[in-house]
Protein backbone atom coordinates (compact mmCIF):
# COMPACT_ATOMS: atom_id res chain seq x y z
CA UNK A 1 19.43 10.32 15.13
CA UNK A 2 19.16 10.07 11.34
CA UNK A 3 16.06 8.22 10.13
CA UNK A 4 16.99 5.70 7.41
CA UNK A 5 15.51 6.03 3.94
CA UNK A 6 13.20 3.21 2.91
CA UNK A 7 12.58 4.49 -0.65
CA UNK A 8 14.73 6.66 -2.88
CA UNK A 9 13.48 7.29 -6.40
CA UNK A 10 15.63 9.47 -8.62
CA UNK A 11 14.52 10.86 -12.00
CA UNK A 12 12.11 8.04 -12.84
CA UNK A 13 10.62 8.12 -16.34
CA UNK A 14 7.99 5.77 -17.70
CA UNK A 15 7.18 5.68 -21.40
CA UNK A 16 4.64 3.43 -23.07
CA UNK A 17 4.93 2.62 -26.77
CA UNK A 18 1.92 1.67 -28.87
CA UNK A 19 1.96 1.35 -32.65
CA UNK A 20 4.94 3.64 -32.94
CA UNK A 21 3.52 6.29 -30.60
CA UNK A 22 5.22 7.10 -27.30
CA UNK A 23 3.34 8.30 -24.24
CA UNK A 24 5.37 9.75 -21.38
CA UNK A 25 3.39 8.86 -18.27
CA UNK A 26 6.02 9.72 -15.64
CA UNK A 27 8.59 12.46 -16.19
CA UNK A 28 11.70 12.68 -14.01
CA UNK A 29 9.88 11.83 -10.78
CA UNK A 30 12.05 11.90 -7.65
CA UNK A 31 10.80 10.87 -4.21
CA UNK A 32 12.59 10.20 -0.94
CA UNK A 33 10.66 8.44 1.84
CA UNK A 34 11.90 7.81 5.36
CA UNK A 35 11.30 4.56 7.18
CA UNK A 36 8.09 4.89 9.20
CA UNK A 37 6.71 7.76 7.13
CA UNK A 38 3.03 8.15 6.20
CA UNK A 39 2.57 9.32 2.61
CA UNK A 40 -0.44 10.00 0.41
CA UNK A 41 -0.11 10.44 -3.34
CA UNK A 42 -2.95 12.34 -4.94
CA UNK A 43 -3.75 13.63 -8.39
CA UNK A 44 -6.44 13.71 -11.07
CA UNK A 45 -7.24 10.81 -13.36
CA UNK A 46 -4.44 10.37 -15.88
CA UNK A 47 -1.84 12.02 -13.67
CA UNK A 48 0.28 8.87 -13.46
CA UNK A 49 -0.71 7.70 -9.95
CA UNK A 50 -1.39 4.11 -10.96
CA UNK A 51 1.85 3.88 -12.94
CA UNK A 52 3.83 5.27 -10.01
CA UNK A 53 2.16 2.79 -7.66
CA UNK A 54 3.11 -0.05 -10.02
CA UNK A 55 6.75 1.01 -9.91
CA UNK A 56 6.80 1.64 -6.15
CA UNK A 57 5.30 -1.82 -5.61
CA UNK A 58 7.84 -3.52 -7.90
CA UNK A 59 4.95 -4.67 -10.08
CA UNK A 60 6.61 -3.01 -13.06
CA UNK A 61 9.76 -1.10 -13.87
CA UNK A 62 10.54 2.40 -15.01
CA UNK A 63 11.88 3.14 -18.47
CA UNK A 64 14.80 4.98 -16.89
CA UNK A 65 15.92 6.33 -13.55
CA UNK A 66 16.93 4.80 -10.23
CA UNK A 67 14.80 3.10 -7.57
CA UNK A 68 16.45 2.09 -4.30
CA UNK A 69 14.18 0.14 -1.95
CA UNK A 70 15.47 -0.54 1.56
CA UNK A 71 19.03 -0.03 0.37
CA UNK A 72 18.73 -2.22 -2.75
CA UNK A 73 18.68 -0.97 -6.35
CA UNK A 74 15.65 -2.68 -7.85
CA UNK A 75 15.28 -0.98 -11.22
CA UNK A 76 17.29 -3.67 -13.03
CA UNK A 77 16.08 -6.80 -11.22
CA UNK A 78 14.40 -9.66 -13.05
CA UNK A 79 10.82 -10.85 -12.47
CA UNK A 80 11.79 -13.53 -9.95
CA UNK A 81 13.83 -11.08 -7.90
CA UNK A 82 11.04 -8.50 -7.99
CA UNK A 83 8.54 -11.12 -6.87
CA UNK A 84 10.72 -11.99 -3.88
CA UNK A 85 10.99 -8.33 -2.87
CA UNK A 86 7.23 -7.88 -3.15
CA UNK A 87 6.61 -10.90 -0.97
CA UNK A 88 9.14 -9.93 1.70
CA UNK A 89 9.09 -6.13 1.91
CA UNK A 90 5.76 -4.80 0.60
CA UNK A 91 2.21 -5.47 1.73
CA UNK A 92 -0.49 -4.58 -0.79
CA UNK A 93 -4.02 -3.34 -0.13
CA UNK A 94 -6.19 -2.80 -3.21
CA UNK A 95 -9.55 -1.13 -3.75
CA UNK A 96 -10.97 -4.32 -5.31
CA UNK A 97 -9.71 -6.53 -2.41
CA UNK A 98 -8.43 -9.31 -4.75
CA UNK A 99 -9.50 -12.08 -2.39
CA UNK A 100 -9.98 -15.65 -3.59
CA UNK A 101 -13.73 -16.33 -3.84
CA UNK A 102 -15.09 -19.33 -1.99
CA UNK A 103 -11.95 -19.48 0.17
CA UNK A 104 -12.00 -18.69 3.89
CA UNK A 105 -10.53 -15.51 5.33
CA UNK A 106 -7.93 -17.70 7.05
CA UNK A 107 -6.79 -19.29 3.79
CA UNK A 108 -6.81 -15.95 1.94
CA UNK A 109 -4.42 -14.52 4.52
CA UNK A 110 -2.27 -17.64 4.25
CA UNK A 111 -1.62 -17.12 0.50
CA UNK A 112 1.63 -15.06 0.72
CA UNK A 113 3.18 -17.67 3.02
CA UNK A 114 2.54 -20.35 0.41
CA UNK A 115 4.76 -18.43 -2.01
CA UNK A 116 7.69 -18.18 0.40
CA UNK A 117 10.77 -20.27 -0.40
CA UNK A 118 9.81 -22.32 2.63
CA UNK A 119 6.48 -22.06 4.42
CA UNK A 120 7.18 -20.98 8.03
CA UNK A 121 6.52 -23.54 10.74
CA UNK A 122 4.41 -20.98 12.58
CA UNK A 123 2.32 -20.09 9.50
CA UNK A 124 -1.06 -20.87 11.05
CA UNK A 125 -0.22 -18.89 14.19
CA UNK A 126 0.84 -15.92 12.04
CA UNK A 127 -2.45 -16.01 10.17
CA UNK A 128 -4.48 -16.11 13.39
CA UNK A 129 -2.54 -13.18 14.86
CA UNK A 130 -2.98 -11.13 11.67
CA UNK A 131 -6.74 -11.67 11.65
CA UNK A 132 -6.97 -10.88 15.35
CA UNK A 133 -4.92 -7.74 14.64
CA UNK A 134 -7.69 -6.46 12.34
CA UNK A 135 -10.56 -7.60 14.58
CA UNK A 136 -11.69 -10.63 12.56
CA UNK A 137 -10.94 -13.46 14.96
CA UNK A 138 -14.65 -14.41 14.82
CA UNK A 139 -14.77 -14.48 10.99
CA UNK A 140 -11.74 -16.61 10.12
CA UNK A 141 -13.80 -19.37 8.50
CA UNK A 142 -16.02 -17.05 6.46
CA UNK A 143 -15.56 -16.65 2.71
CA UNK A 144 -15.47 -13.21 1.02
CA UNK A 145 -19.12 -13.63 -0.02
CA UNK A 146 -20.07 -13.96 3.65
CA UNK A 147 -18.21 -10.80 4.66
CA UNK A 148 -19.10 -7.13 4.35
CA UNK A 149 -16.97 -4.83 2.21
CA UNK A 150 -15.24 -3.46 5.29
CA UNK A 151 -14.51 -6.95 6.57
CA UNK A 152 -13.12 -8.00 3.18
CA UNK A 153 -10.77 -5.03 3.23
CA UNK A 154 -9.63 -5.96 6.72
CA UNK A 155 -8.83 -9.46 5.44
CA UNK A 156 -6.77 -7.79 2.73
CA UNK A 157 -4.90 -5.76 5.35
CA UNK A 158 -4.28 -8.89 7.43
CA UNK A 159 -2.88 -10.58 4.31
CA UNK A 160 -0.65 -7.57 3.66
CA UNK A 161 0.83 -7.90 7.16
CA UNK A 162 1.49 -11.65 7.12
CA UNK A 163 5.16 -11.41 6.13
CA UNK A 164 5.79 -8.42 8.40
CA UNK A 165 6.66 -6.04 5.53
CA UNK A 166 8.32 -2.71 6.11
CA UNK A 167 5.95 -0.97 3.67
CA UNK A 168 2.18 -1.06 3.21
CA UNK A 169 1.17 0.18 -0.23
CA UNK A 170 -2.55 0.90 -0.53
CA UNK A 171 -4.34 1.80 -3.75
CA UNK A 172 -7.66 3.60 -3.11
CA UNK A 173 -8.23 1.43 0.00
CA UNK A 174 -11.57 3.07 0.87
CA UNK A 175 -12.85 3.42 -2.69
CA UNK A 176 -15.40 0.58 -2.44
CA UNK A 177 -16.50 1.34 1.11
CA UNK A 178 -19.08 3.55 2.79
CA UNK A 179 -17.87 6.35 5.05
CA UNK A 180 -18.08 4.33 8.29
CA UNK A 181 -16.15 1.35 6.94
CA UNK A 182 -13.71 3.71 5.25
CA UNK A 183 -13.08 5.41 8.57
CA UNK A 184 -12.41 2.06 10.24
CA UNK A 185 -9.93 1.07 7.55
CA UNK A 186 -8.10 4.40 7.82
CA UNK A 187 -7.98 4.04 11.59
CA UNK A 188 -6.22 0.70 11.06
CA UNK A 189 -3.63 2.36 8.81
CA UNK A 190 -3.15 5.10 11.41
CA UNK A 191 -2.39 2.51 14.09
CA UNK A 192 -0.02 0.61 11.80
CA UNK A 193 1.90 3.80 11.10
CA UNK A 194 2.00 4.67 14.80
CA UNK A 195 3.66 1.27 15.33
CA UNK A 196 6.42 2.27 12.90
CA UNK A 197 5.18 0.84 9.61
CA UNK A 198 5.75 2.89 6.43
CA UNK A 199 2.37 3.62 4.82
CA UNK A 200 1.90 4.84 1.24
CA UNK A 201 -1.64 5.50 0.05
CA UNK A 202 -2.72 6.30 -3.50
CA UNK A 203 -6.02 8.15 -3.34
CA UNK A 204 -8.28 10.68 -5.02
CA UNK A 205 -10.13 11.35 -1.74
CA UNK A 206 -8.95 14.54 0.04
CA UNK A 207 -10.30 13.27 3.37
CA UNK A 208 -8.14 10.16 3.10
CA UNK A 209 -5.05 12.02 1.90
CA UNK A 210 -5.16 14.35 4.89
CA UNK A 211 -4.41 11.45 7.21
CA UNK A 212 -0.89 11.21 5.88
CA UNK A 213 2.02 13.20 7.27
CA UNK A 214 3.15 14.10 3.74
CA UNK A 215 0.89 14.76 0.77
CA UNK A 216 2.41 14.45 -2.69
CA UNK A 217 0.45 15.77 -5.67
CA UNK A 218 1.05 14.28 -9.09
CA UNK A 219 -0.06 16.06 -12.25
CA UNK A 220 0.78 15.25 -15.87
CA UNK A 221 3.35 12.71 -14.74
CA UNK A 222 5.26 15.06 -12.44
CA UNK A 223 5.34 15.79 -8.70
CA UNK A 224 3.98 19.34 -8.48
CA UNK A 225 3.88 19.58 -4.68
CA UNK A 226 5.21 17.75 -1.64
CA UNK A 227 3.84 19.23 1.56
CA UNK A 228 3.85 18.38 5.24
CA UNK A 229 0.34 18.01 6.63
CA UNK A 230 0.32 20.42 9.57
CA UNK A 231 -2.88 18.81 10.88
CA UNK A 232 -1.52 15.26 10.76
CA UNK A 233 -2.31 14.24 14.34
CA UNK A 234 -5.64 16.06 14.40
CA UNK A 235 -6.74 14.33 11.19
CA UNK A 236 -5.91 10.92 12.63
CA UNK A 237 -7.86 11.69 15.78
CA UNK A 238 -10.87 12.84 13.73
CA UNK A 239 -10.89 9.67 11.64
CA UNK A 240 -10.60 7.52 14.78
CA UNK A 241 -13.60 9.28 16.33
CA UNK A 242 -15.63 8.71 13.16
CA UNK A 243 -14.76 5.01 13.20
CA UNK A 244 -15.88 4.70 16.82
CA UNK A 245 -19.14 6.50 16.18
């Protein structure tokens, strides 16, 4: 059976202009990602990782090229249309968490539902299930300041899942965490992928990147390698053991 494509990027270029100078950040980048795949994108500082993540997440658009997301060409959509796609099809997990301070974990997870065209009748039940899914059923009423870094990131993951997106896009998700909490977060991503969710992680950490099935390396705005991780299952098992310990 043919696995459907969830992302097809063809010859994406991104150029920034500043005071008459042009900087080519991405140069004819092409990526094809199957539904349910597990991808890591690595590369040195200045390689274009953040710009590529912005385009993949429909937070910005390429200067030229084609981007088909779940069968829809998104490269020419307006801001409102892009916002709708982000809310419905992509869950975001950021290094800096981006949680609302002074607001409970429950209400932080609720935020994406508030921006739906119509708030679902089962919104509160969805939030509870998402927080239970990440093991925070006992911390629902706690604010970010009352949570550890690992717990804050789990709230972020719960928020990313609230609209049942097909894709989870994570930018350096373990960057602000110690090794134990990082291992727990990666174990969560492993389980989400095993359930069929497409996971894309932007990272500079080789240990994190090795948990993906495919590892893409970006350098000077171009994909210089796209390899299958032969130790995919073993890496996941190792990270899970570390989280347990």
